[in-house]
Amino acid sequence: MTTPGTIRTGIGGWTFDAWEGTFYPEKLPKKRQLEYAASKLTAIEVNGTYYSSQKPETFAKWAADVPDGFVFSLKASRYSTNRKVLAEAGESIDRFLNQGIAELGDHLGPILWQFAPTKKFEPDDFEAFLKLLPGKLEGLALSHVVEVRHDSFKVPEFVALLQKYKVAPVCAEHFDYPMIADVTADFVYARLQKGSDDIPTCYGDADMKAWRERLTTWAKGGVPADLPLVDDGRKVETAPRDVFAFFIHEGKVNAPQGAMAMQDLLAQS
C-alpha cells in the first residue's frame, strides 16, 4: 500500500482470449501479458488463487513482472469460505496465506474472501471467521475484504462487525447481488459488474463520471451521497483512504479499456 488516498483501477486476471489484439498488441507473447497489463493498469484481481494454490516462485515472478506501485488483489481459496461453519476455516485460511503470497511483498494488496450467494449471515459464526483473519504475514500488513452476496447481510450488525475487525465489504455494483457501500476500513474495494461488451469503455460516459466522483469522494475520506448504506446513521472517520475499482464480470471484453478510461478521468479531476 502507498500513501492513503491512492485510487487504483484494474481488471480480473490478465489472461483472456478476447483481449488479444484488442487490449494486448498483436503477437504479444502470453508470457509478457502480465508485464504489459501492469504497464497500463494499476491493479489486478487474481481469480486463479480461488481455485488452486500457487508456488512461492510464481508469486515472486508476478512481483518481478510489475512496476513499483502496482498491486495484486488475491481472491482467497474457496475452501475457506464455501463451508457451513465458517469458524472451522482456520486450517484452510492458514494454508492459503502460507502458500507463498508474501513473495509479492509491496505488491500484495487486499485479500478478497468471496462467499456463495446462498451463504446467509449468522452473526456469531461470521465473527468467528473474522477473528481468524490475521493482520500481518511475515512482516507484511494484510488488508481483508469480504464479498457477501445474500440480502441477509444488509443489516447494521454486519457492518458493525466489519468495522470492529477493520475489514472492508465489497461495494458490488451487480445485477443480482446486494450493494453494501458502507465504509468500515481504511480502504474501499469496488467491483463494477454492470458493464457491456457493446460499450468501448465497458461503462458508458455518464456511469463513468458518476463512479469517478464516488471513487474520488472515498479517497478524500468522504462517503458518496448517491450510494445506499446499510447503516446510514453510523459515523465514519474522515480520513484519506486507498480505493480499488475493478471492471469485472459483465463487459469483460472491454474491461481493460474501462479501467484505463477511469484512470484518465481521475487524472482530469
C-alpha atoms as a PDB file:
ATOM      1  CA  MET A   1       0.000   0.000   0.000  1.00  0.00           C
ATOM      2  CA  THR A   2       1.167   3.543  -0.683  1.00  0.00           C
ATOM      3  CA  THR A   3       0.109   6.848   0.848  1.00  0.00           C
ATOM      4  CA  PRO A   4      -3.611   6.688   1.759  1.00  0.00           C
ATOM      5  CA  GLY A   5      -5.818   8.287  -0.861  1.00  0.00           C
ATOM      6  CA  THR A   6      -4.432   6.360  -3.835  1.00  0.00           C
ATOM      7  CA  ILE A   7      -7.060   5.209  -6.355  1.00  0.00           C
ATOM      8  CA  ARG A   8      -6.238   2.115  -8.373  1.00  0.00           C
ATOM      9  CA  THR A   9      -8.289   0.759 -11.246  1.00  0.00           C
ATOM     10  CA  GLY A  10      -7.947  -2.677 -12.745  1.00  0.00           C
ATOM     11  CA  ILE A  11      -9.387  -5.895 -14.090  1.00  0.00           C
ATOM     12  CA  GLY A  12      -9.836  -9.531 -13.134  1.00  0.00           C
ATOM     13  CA  GLY A  13      -6.815 -11.587 -14.194  1.00  0.00           C
ATOM     14  CA  TRP A  14      -4.730 -10.899 -17.265  1.00  0.00           C
ATOM     15  CA  THR A  15      -5.361 -13.917 -19.498  1.00  0.00           C
ATOM     16  CA  PHE A  16      -8.404 -13.675 -21.751  1.00  0.00           C
ATOM     17  CA  ASP A  17      -8.501 -14.555 -25.455  1.00  0.00           C
ATOM     18  CA  ALA A  18     -10.705 -11.603 -26.384  1.00  0.00           C
ATOM     19  CA  TRP A  19      -8.040  -9.191 -25.108  1.00  0.00           C
ATOM     20  CA  GLU A  20      -5.505 -10.444 -27.639  1.00  0.00           C
ATOM     21  CA  GLY A  21      -5.350  -7.903 -30.443  1.00  0.00           C
ATOM     22  CA  THR A  22      -7.770  -5.542 -28.654  1.00  0.00           C
ATOM     23  CA  PHE A  23      -6.018  -4.746 -25.388  1.00  0.00           C
ATOM     24  CA  TYR A  24      -2.796  -6.638 -25.982  1.00  0.00           C
ATOM     25  CA  PRO A  25      -0.772  -5.839 -29.119  1.00  0.00           C
ATOM     26  CA  GLU A  26      -0.892  -8.399 -31.900  1.00  0.00           C
ATOM     27  CA  LYS A  27       1.596 -11.246 -31.452  1.00  0.00           C
ATOM     28  CA  LEU A  28       2.500 -10.239 -27.885  1.00  0.00           C
ATOM     29  CA  PRO A  29       3.764 -13.467 -26.222  1.00  0.00           C
ATOM     30  CA  LYS A  30       1.470 -14.726 -23.458  1.00  0.00           C
ATOM     31  CA  LYS A  31       4.386 -14.740 -21.036  1.00  0.00           C
ATOM     32  CA  ARG A  32       4.571 -10.944 -21.414  1.00  0.00           C
ATOM     33  CA  GLN A  33       0.872 -10.239 -20.966  1.00  0.00           C
ATOM     34  CA  LEU A  34       1.158  -9.520 -17.241  1.00  0.00           C
ATOM     35  CA  GLU A  35       4.058  -7.148 -17.856  1.00  0.00           C
ATOM     36  CA  TYR A  36       2.026  -5.306 -20.499  1.00  0.00           C
ATOM     37  CA  ALA A  37      -1.174  -5.184 -18.432  1.00  0.00           C
ATOM     38  CA  ALA A  38       0.732  -3.830 -15.448  1.00  0.00           C
ATOM     39  CA  SER A  39       2.188  -1.068 -17.620  1.00  0.00           C
ATOM     40  CA  LYS A  40      -1.329   0.137 -18.482  1.00  0.00           C
ATOM     41  CA  LEU A  41      -3.259  -0.550 -15.257  1.00  0.00           C
ATOM     42  CA  THR A  42      -2.593  -0.117 -11.555  1.00  0.00           C
ATOM     43  CA  ALA A  43      -4.164  -3.279 -10.076  1.00  0.00           C
ATOM     44  CA  ILE A  44      -5.298  -6.773 -10.979  1.00  0.00           C
ATOM     45  CA  GLU A  45      -7.632  -9.050  -9.044  1.00  0.00           C
ATOM     46  CA  VAL A  46      -6.351 -12.621  -9.283  1.00  0.00           C
ATOM     47  CA  ASN A  47      -9.124 -15.198  -9.609  1.00  0.00           C
ATOM     48  CA  GLY A  48      -6.930 -18.272 -10.047  1.00  0.00           C
ATOM     49  CA  THR A  49      -5.981 -18.325  -6.362  1.00  0.00           C
ATOM     50  CA  TYR A  50      -9.640 -19.004  -5.551  1.00  0.00           C
ATOM     51  CA  TYR A  51      -9.496 -22.367  -7.326  1.00  0.00           C
ATOM     52  CA  SER A  52      -5.985 -23.630  -6.663  1.00  0.00           C
ATOM     53  CA  SER A  53      -2.790 -22.872  -4.773  1.00  0.00           C
ATOM     54  CA  GLN A  54       0.366 -21.478  -6.374  1.00  0.00           C
ATOM     55  CA  LYS A  55       4.060 -21.901  -5.715  1.00  0.00           C
ATOM     56  CA  PRO A  56       6.163 -19.222  -3.984  1.00  0.00           C
ATOM     57  CA  GLU A  57       8.188 -18.930  -7.188  1.00  0.00           C
ATOM     58  CA  THR A  58       5.025 -17.986  -9.079  1.00  0.00           C
ATOM     59  CA  PHE A  59       4.225 -15.094  -6.762  1.00  0.00           C
ATOM     60  CA  ALA A  60       7.861 -13.949  -6.938  1.00  0.00           C
ATOM     61  CA  LYS A  61       7.663 -13.980 -10.751  1.00  0.00           C
ATOM     62  CA  TRP A  62       4.470 -11.925 -10.707  1.00  0.00           C
ATOM     63  CA  ALA A  63       6.120  -9.364  -8.454  1.00  0.00           C
ATOM     64  CA  ALA A  64       9.122  -9.159 -10.779  1.00  0.00           C
ATOM     65  CA  ASP A  65       6.902  -8.537 -13.811  1.00  0.00           C
ATOM     66  CA  VAL A  66       5.131  -5.421 -12.494  1.00  0.00           C
ATOM     67  CA  PRO A  67       6.301  -1.853 -11.753  1.00  0.00           C
ATOM     68  CA  ASP A  68       6.542  -0.120  -8.398  1.00  0.00           C
ATOM     69  CA  GLY A  69       3.136   0.789  -7.020  1.00  0.00           C
ATOM     70  CA  PHE A  70       1.266  -1.958  -8.875  1.00  0.00           C
ATOM     71  CA  VAL A  71      -0.921  -4.118  -6.635  1.00  0.00           C
ATOM     72  CA  PHE A  72      -2.394  -7.600  -6.834  1.00  0.00           C
ATOM     73  CA  SER A  73      -5.616  -8.393  -5.023  1.00  0.00           C
ATOM     74  CA  LEU A  74      -5.830 -12.120  -4.363  1.00  0.00           C
ATOM     75  CA  LYS A  75      -9.119 -13.972  -4.209  1.00  0.00           C
ATOM     76  CA  ALA A  76      -8.781 -16.358  -1.270  1.00  0.00           C
ATOM     77  CA  SER A  77      -9.308 -20.088  -1.561  1.00  0.00           C
ATOM     78  CA  ARG A  78     -12.887 -21.268  -1.960  1.00  0.00           C
ATOM     79  CA  TYR A  79     -12.190 -23.895   0.709  1.00  0.00           C
ATOM     80  CA  SER A  80     -12.016 -21.097   3.266  1.00  0.00           C
ATOM     81  CA  THR A  81     -15.431 -19.606   2.510  1.00  0.00           C
ATOM     82  CA  ASN A  82     -17.575 -22.334   0.922  1.00  0.00           C
ATOM     83  CA  ARG A  83     -18.390 -24.121   4.162  1.00  0.00           C
ATOM     84  CA  LYS A  84     -21.329 -24.417   6.501  1.00  0.00           C
ATOM     85  CA  VAL A  85     -19.387 -23.474   9.642  1.00  0.00           C
ATOM     86  CA  LEU A  86     -17.015 -20.584   8.977  1.00  0.00           C
ATOM     87  CA  ALA A  87     -15.462 -20.868  12.420  1.00  0.00           C
ATOM     88  CA  GLU A  88     -13.824 -24.090  11.213  1.00  0.00           C
ATOM     89  CA  ALA A  89     -11.980 -22.373   8.356  1.00  0.00           C
ATOM     90  CA  GLY A  90      -8.749 -21.767  10.264  1.00  0.00           C
ATOM     91  CA  GLU A  91      -6.713 -24.516   8.630  1.00  0.00           C
ATOM     92  CA  SER A  92      -7.819 -23.534   5.130  1.00  0.00           C
ATOM     93  CA  ILE A  93      -7.068 -19.872   5.811  1.00  0.00           C
ATOM     94  CA  ASP A  94      -3.576 -20.694   7.074  1.00  0.00           C
ATOM     95  CA  ARG A  95      -2.910 -22.916   4.076  1.00  0.00           C
ATOM     96  CA  PHE A  96      -3.927 -20.141   1.680  1.00  0.00           C
ATOM     97  CA  LEU A  97      -1.904 -17.440   3.410  1.00  0.00           C
ATOM     98  CA  ASN A  98       1.205 -19.581   3.724  1.00  0.00           C
ATOM     99  CA  GLN A  99       1.420 -20.847   0.141  1.00  0.00           C
ATOM    100  CA  GLY A 100       3.925 -18.096  -0.662  1.00  0.00           C
ATOM    101  CA  ILE A 101       1.861 -14.932  -1.173  1.00  0.00           C
ATOM    102  CA  ALA A 102       4.362 -12.960   0.932  1.00  0.00           C
ATOM    103  CA  GLU A 103       6.678 -13.191  -2.090  1.00  0.00           C
ATOM    104  CA  LEU A 104       4.581 -10.395  -3.595  1.00  0.00           C
ATOM    105  CA  GLY A 105       5.956  -8.001  -0.998  1.00  0.00           C
ATOM    106  CA  ASP A 106       4.717  -4.440  -1.523  1.00  0.00           C
ATOM    107  CA  HIS A 107       2.677  -5.656  -4.489  1.00  0.00           C
ATOM    108  CA  LEU A 108       0.312  -7.579  -2.197  1.00  0.00           C
ATOM    109  CA  GLY A 109      -2.992  -5.743  -1.947  1.00  0.00           C
ATOM    110  CA  PRO A 110      -6.302  -6.697  -0.331  1.00  0.00           C
ATOM    111  CA  ILE A 111      -7.243 -10.328   0.089  1.00  0.00           C
ATOM    112  CA  LEU A 112     -10.765 -10.964  -1.150  1.00  0.00           C
ATOM    113  CA  TRP A 113     -12.856 -13.529   0.728  1.00  0.00           C
ATOM    114  CA  GLN A 114     -15.829 -14.282  -1.510  1.00  0.00           C
ATOM    115  CA  PHE A 115     -18.930 -16.079  -0.249  1.00  0.00           C
ATOM    116  CA  ALA A 116     -21.554 -18.019  -2.162  1.00  0.00           C
ATOM    117  CA  PRO A 117     -24.897 -16.330  -2.935  1.00  0.00           C
ATOM    118  CA  THR A 118     -26.581 -18.938  -0.723  1.00  0.00           C
ATOM    119  CA  LYS A 119     -24.466 -18.104   2.356  1.00  0.00           C
ATOM    120  CA  LYS A 120     -26.623 -16.304   4.925  1.00  0.00           C
ATOM    121  CA  PHE A 121     -25.495 -14.033   7.712  1.00  0.00           C
ATOM    122  CA  GLU A 122     -25.040 -15.826  11.019  1.00  0.00           C
ATOM    123  CA  PRO A 123     -23.524 -13.191  13.337  1.00  0.00           C
ATOM    124  CA  ASP A 124     -21.632 -15.405  15.766  1.00  0.00           C
ATOM    125  CA  ASP A 125     -20.193 -17.666  13.094  1.00  0.00           C
ATOM    126  CA  PHE A 126     -19.223 -14.773  10.833  1.00  0.00           C
ATOM    127  CA  GLU A 127     -17.474 -13.011  13.691  1.00  0.00           C
ATOM    128  CA  ALA A 128     -15.592 -16.229  14.419  1.00  0.00           C
ATOM    129  CA  PHE A 129     -14.412 -16.169  10.797  1.00  0.00           C
ATOM    130  CA  LEU A 130     -13.286 -12.546  11.008  1.00  0.00           C
ATOM    131  CA  LYS A 131     -11.264 -13.386  14.118  1.00  0.00           C
ATOM    132  CA  LEU A 132      -9.281 -15.880  12.021  1.00  0.00           C
ATOM    133  CA  LEU A 133      -8.026 -13.229   9.593  1.00  0.00           C
ATOM    134  CA  PRO A 134      -4.546 -12.085  10.662  1.00  0.00           C
ATOM    135  CA  GLY A 135      -3.338  -8.503  10.424  1.00  0.00           C
ATOM    136  CA  LYS A 136       0.189  -9.471   9.353  1.00  0.00           C
ATOM    137  CA  LEU A 137       2.023 -12.133   7.389  1.00  0.00           C
ATOM    138  CA  GLU A 138       5.802 -12.391   7.564  1.00  0.00           C
ATOM    139  CA  GLY A 139       6.024  -8.724   8.465  1.00  0.00           C
ATOM    140  CA  LEU A 140       3.609  -7.595   5.745  1.00  0.00           C
ATOM    141  CA  ALA A 141       0.443  -5.775   6.769  1.00  0.00           C
ATOM    142  CA  LEU A 142      -2.652  -7.561   5.457  1.00  0.00           C
ATOM    143  CA  SER A 143      -5.899  -5.960   4.318  1.00  0.00           C
ATOM    144  CA  HIS A 144      -9.049  -8.052   4.101  1.00  0.00           C
ATOM    145  CA  VAL A 145     -12.247  -7.520   2.112  1.00  0.00           C
ATOM    146  CA  VAL A 146     -15.349  -9.727   2.048  1.00  0.00           C
ATOM    147  CA  GLU A 147     -17.847 -10.132  -0.748  1.00  0.00           C
ATOM    148  CA  VAL A 148     -21.171 -11.331   0.616  1.00  0.00           C
ATOM    149  CA  ARG A 149     -23.946 -11.991  -1.843  1.00  0.00           C
ATOM    150  CA  HIS A 150     -27.054 -12.669   0.233  1.00  0.00           C
ATOM    151  CA  ASP A 151     -29.511  -9.985   1.357  1.00  0.00           C
ATOM    152  CA  SER A 152     -29.395 -11.213   4.952  1.00  0.00           C
ATOM    153  CA  PHE A 153     -26.078  -9.339   5.307  1.00  0.00           C
ATOM    154  CA  LYS A 154     -27.778  -5.996   4.759  1.00  0.00           C
ATOM    155  CA  VAL A 155     -28.132  -5.308   8.478  1.00  0.00           C
ATOM    156  CA  PRO A 156     -26.275  -2.837  10.759  1.00  0.00           C
ATOM    157  CA  GLU A 157     -24.917  -5.722  12.842  1.00  0.00           C
ATOM    158  CA  PHE A 158     -22.892  -6.969   9.872  1.00  0.00           C
ATOM    159  CA  VAL A 159     -21.474  -3.513   9.186  1.00  0.00           C
ATOM    160  CA  ALA A 160     -20.564  -3.139  12.866  1.00  0.00           C
ATOM    161  CA  LEU A 161     -18.659  -6.428  12.796  1.00  0.00           C
ATOM    162  CA  LEU A 162     -16.663  -5.338   9.759  1.00  0.00           C
ATOM    163  CA  GLN A 163     -15.788  -2.053  11.423  1.00  0.00           C
ATOM    164  CA  LYS A 164     -14.770  -3.864  14.618  1.00  0.00           C
ATOM    165  CA  TYR A 165     -12.265  -6.020  12.729  1.00  0.00           C
ATOM    166  CA  LYS A 166     -11.277  -3.316  10.187  1.00  0.00           C
ATOM    167  CA  VAL A 167     -12.456  -5.442   7.261  1.00  0.00           C
ATOM    168  CA  ALA A 168     -13.998  -3.832   4.171  1.00  0.00           C
ATOM    169  CA  PRO A 169     -17.102  -5.032   2.329  1.00  0.00           C
ATOM    170  CA  VAL A 170     -17.018  -5.258  -1.441  1.00  0.00           C
ATOM    171  CA  CYS A 171     -19.095  -2.432  -2.845  1.00  0.00           C
ATOM    172  CA  ALA A 172     -20.608  -4.558  -5.587  1.00  0.00           C
ATOM    173  CA  GLU A 173     -22.465  -2.997  -8.471  1.00  0.00           C
ATOM    174  CA  HIS A 174     -24.192  -6.131  -9.709  1.00  0.00           C
ATOM    175  CA  PHE A 175     -27.499  -7.020 -11.306  1.00  0.00           C
ATOM    176  CA  ASP A 176     -28.416  -9.555  -8.603  1.00  0.00           C
ATOM    177  CA  TYR A 177     -26.191  -9.231  -5.540  1.00  0.00           C
ATOM    178  CA  PRO A 178     -26.705  -6.601  -2.829  1.00  0.00           C
ATOM    179  CA  MET A 179     -24.648  -3.431  -2.783  1.00  0.00           C
ATOM    180  CA  ILE A 180     -23.035  -2.628   0.556  1.00  0.00           C
ATOM    181  CA  ALA A 181     -21.319   0.738   0.251  1.00  0.00           C
ATOM    182  CA  ASP A 182     -20.664   1.305   3.960  1.00  0.00           C
ATOM    183  CA  VAL A 183     -17.066   2.281   4.794  1.00  0.00           C
ATOM    184  CA  THR A 184     -15.629   0.067   7.542  1.00  0.00           C
ATOM    185  CA  ALA A 185     -11.857   0.043   6.916  1.00  0.00           C
ATOM    186  CA  ASP A 186      -9.045   2.319   5.782  1.00  0.00           C
ATOM    187  CA  PHE A 187      -9.637   1.330   2.166  1.00  0.00           C
ATOM    188  CA  VAL A 188     -12.599   0.828  -0.181  1.00  0.00           C
ATOM    189  CA  TYR A 189     -12.977  -2.002  -2.687  1.00  0.00           C
ATOM    190  CA  ALA A 190     -15.479  -1.709  -5.549  1.00  0.00           C
ATOM    191  CA  ARG A 191     -16.309  -4.356  -8.136  1.00  0.00           C
ATOM    192  CA  LEU A 192     -18.077  -2.779 -11.107  1.00  0.00           C
ATOM    193  CA  GLN A 193     -20.043  -5.578 -12.735  1.00  0.00           C
ATOM    194  CA  LYS A 194     -22.645  -3.895 -14.920  1.00  0.00           C
ATOM    195  CA  GLY A 195     -20.512  -3.212 -17.960  1.00  0.00           C
ATOM    196  CA  SER A 196     -21.289  -4.128 -21.564  1.00  0.00           C
ATOM    197  CA  ASP A 197     -19.233  -5.621 -24.362  1.00  0.00           C
ATOM    198  CA  ASP A 198     -21.025  -3.189 -26.674  1.00  0.00           C
ATOM    199  CA  ILE A 199     -19.523  -0.134 -24.947  1.00  0.00           C
ATOM    200  CA  PRO A 200     -15.898   0.624 -25.900  1.00  0.00           C
ATOM    201  CA  THR A 201     -15.057   1.644 -22.333  1.00  0.00           C
ATOM    202  CA  CYS A 202     -17.149  -1.089 -20.663  1.00  0.00           C
ATOM    203  CA  TYR A 203     -19.274   1.550 -18.877  1.00  0.00           C
ATOM    204  CA  GLY A 204     -20.966   4.493 -20.591  1.00  0.00           C
ATOM    205  CA  ASP A 205     -19.888   8.118 -20.138  1.00  0.00           C
ATOM    206  CA  ALA A 206     -22.497   9.036 -17.523  1.00  0.00           C
ATOM    207  CA  ASP A 207     -21.755   5.984 -15.387  1.00  0.00           C
ATOM    208  CA  MET A 208     -18.012   6.507 -15.701  1.00  0.00           C
ATOM    209  CA  LYS A 209     -18.298  10.094 -14.488  1.00  0.00           C
ATOM    210  CA  ALA A 210     -20.561   9.051 -11.619  1.00  0.00           C
ATOM    211  CA  TRP A 211     -18.071   6.427 -10.489  1.00  0.00           C
ATOM    212  CA  ARG A 212     -15.192   8.878 -10.818  1.00  0.00           C
ATOM    213  CA  GLU A 213     -16.931  11.150  -8.331  1.00  0.00           C
ATOM    214  CA  ARG A 214     -17.579   8.262  -5.938  1.00  0.00           C
ATOM    215  CA  LEU A 215     -14.020   6.978  -6.078  1.00  0.00           C
ATOM    216  CA  THR A 216     -12.672  10.484  -5.521  1.00  0.00           C
ATOM    217  CA  THR A 217     -15.021  11.067  -2.593  1.00  0.00           C
ATOM    218  CA  TRP A 218     -13.906   7.832  -0.918  1.00  0.00           C
ATOM    219  CA  ALA A 219     -10.239   8.625  -1.477  1.00  0.00           C
ATOM    220  CA  LYS A 220     -10.633  12.018   0.183  1.00  0.00           C
ATOM    221  CA  GLY A 221     -12.291  10.428   3.207  1.00  0.00           C
ATOM    222  CA  GLY A 222     -15.918  11.074   2.403  1.00  0.00           C
ATOM    223  CA  VAL A 223     -18.912   8.858   1.697  1.00  0.00           C
ATOM    224  CA  PRO A 224     -20.728   9.149  -1.666  1.00  0.00           C
ATOM    225  CA  ALA A 225     -24.208  10.565  -1.170  1.00  0.00           C
ATOM    226  CA  ASP A 226     -25.759   8.621  -4.039  1.00  0.00           C
ATOM    227  CA  LEU A 227     -24.953   5.061  -2.895  1.00  0.00           C
ATOM    228  CA  PRO A 228     -27.165   3.100  -0.484  1.00  0.00           C
ATOM    229  CA  LEU A 229     -25.839   2.475   3.029  1.00  0.00           C
ATOM    230  CA  VAL A 230     -26.912  -0.376   5.271  1.00  0.00           C
ATOM    231  CA  ASP A 231     -26.350   1.774   8.364  1.00  0.00           C
ATOM    232  CA  ASP A 232     -26.735   5.383   7.297  1.00  0.00           C
ATOM    233  CA  GLY A 233     -26.680   6.639  10.883  1.00  0.00           C
ATOM    234  CA  ARG A 234     -23.155   5.425  11.615  1.00  0.00           C
ATOM    235  CA  LYS A 235     -20.366   7.977  11.859  1.00  0.00           C
ATOM    236  CA  VAL A 236     -17.371   7.402   9.590  1.00  0.00           C
ATOM    237  CA  GLU A 237     -13.960   8.911  10.267  1.00  0.00           C
ATOM    238  CA  THR A 238     -12.982  11.441   7.626  1.00  0.00           C
ATOM    239  CA  ALA A 239      -9.503  10.328   6.559  1.00  0.00           C
ATOM    240  CA  PRO A 240      -7.883   9.608   3.179  1.00  0.00           C
ATOM    241  CA  ARG A 241      -8.340   6.017   2.006  1.00  0.00           C
ATOM    242  CA  ASP A 242      -6.892   3.802  -0.663  1.00  0.00           C
ATOM    243  CA  VAL A 243      -9.546   2.879  -3.211  1.00  0.00           C
ATOM    244  CA  PHE A 244      -9.662  -0.103  -5.578  1.00  0.00           C
ATOM    245  CA  ALA A 245     -12.091  -0.263  -8.505  1.00  0.00           C
ATOM    246  CA  PHE A 246     -12.202  -3.338 -10.705  1.00  0.00           C
ATOM    247  CA  PHE A 247     -14.071  -3.552 -14.009  1.00  0.00           C
ATOM    248  CA  ILE A 248     -15.043  -7.176 -13.916  1.00  0.00           C
ATOM    249  CA  HIS A 249     -17.566  -9.838 -14.961  1.00  0.00           C
ATOM    250  CA  GLU A 250     -20.046  -8.155 -17.338  1.00  0.00           C
ATOM    251  CA  GLY A 251     -18.399  -6.199 -20.145  1.00  0.00           C
ATOM    252  CA  LYS A 252     -15.195  -8.182 -19.735  1.00  0.00           C
ATOM    253  CA  VAL A 253     -14.161  -7.752 -23.364  1.00  0.00           C
ATOM    254  CA  ASN A 254     -13.642  -4.018 -22.801  1.00  0.00           C
ATOM    255  CA  ALA A 255     -12.794  -4.123 -19.092  1.00  0.00           C
ATOM    256  CA  PRO A 256      -9.157  -3.030 -19.630  1.00  0.00           C
ATOM    257  CA  GLN A 257     -10.322  -0.054 -21.669  1.00  0.00           C
ATOM    258  CA  GLY A 258     -12.761   0.806 -18.870  1.00  0.00           C
ATOM    259  CA  ALA A 259     -10.024   0.727 -16.242  1.00  0.00           C
ATOM    260  CA  MET A 260      -7.741   2.874 -18.394  1.00  0.00           C
ATOM    261  CA  ALA A 261     -10.521   5.322 -19.206  1.00  0.00           C
ATOM    262  CA  MET A 262     -11.267   5.690 -15.487  1.00  0.00           C
ATOM    263  CA  GLN A 263      -7.610   6.418 -14.821  1.00  0.00           C
ATOM    264  CA  ASP A 264      -7.741   9.159 -17.442  1.00  0.00           C
ATOM    265  CA  LEU A 265     -10.897  10.630 -15.903  1.00  0.00           C
ATOM    266  CA  LEU A 266      -9.342  10.606 -12.450  1.00  0.00           C
ATOM    267  CA  ALA A 267      -6.270  12.387 -13.786  1.00  0.00           C
ATOM    268  CA  GLN A 268      -8.524  15.157 -15.091  1.00  0.00           C
ATOM    269  CA  SER A 269     -10.357  15.686 -11.784  1.00  0.00           C
END
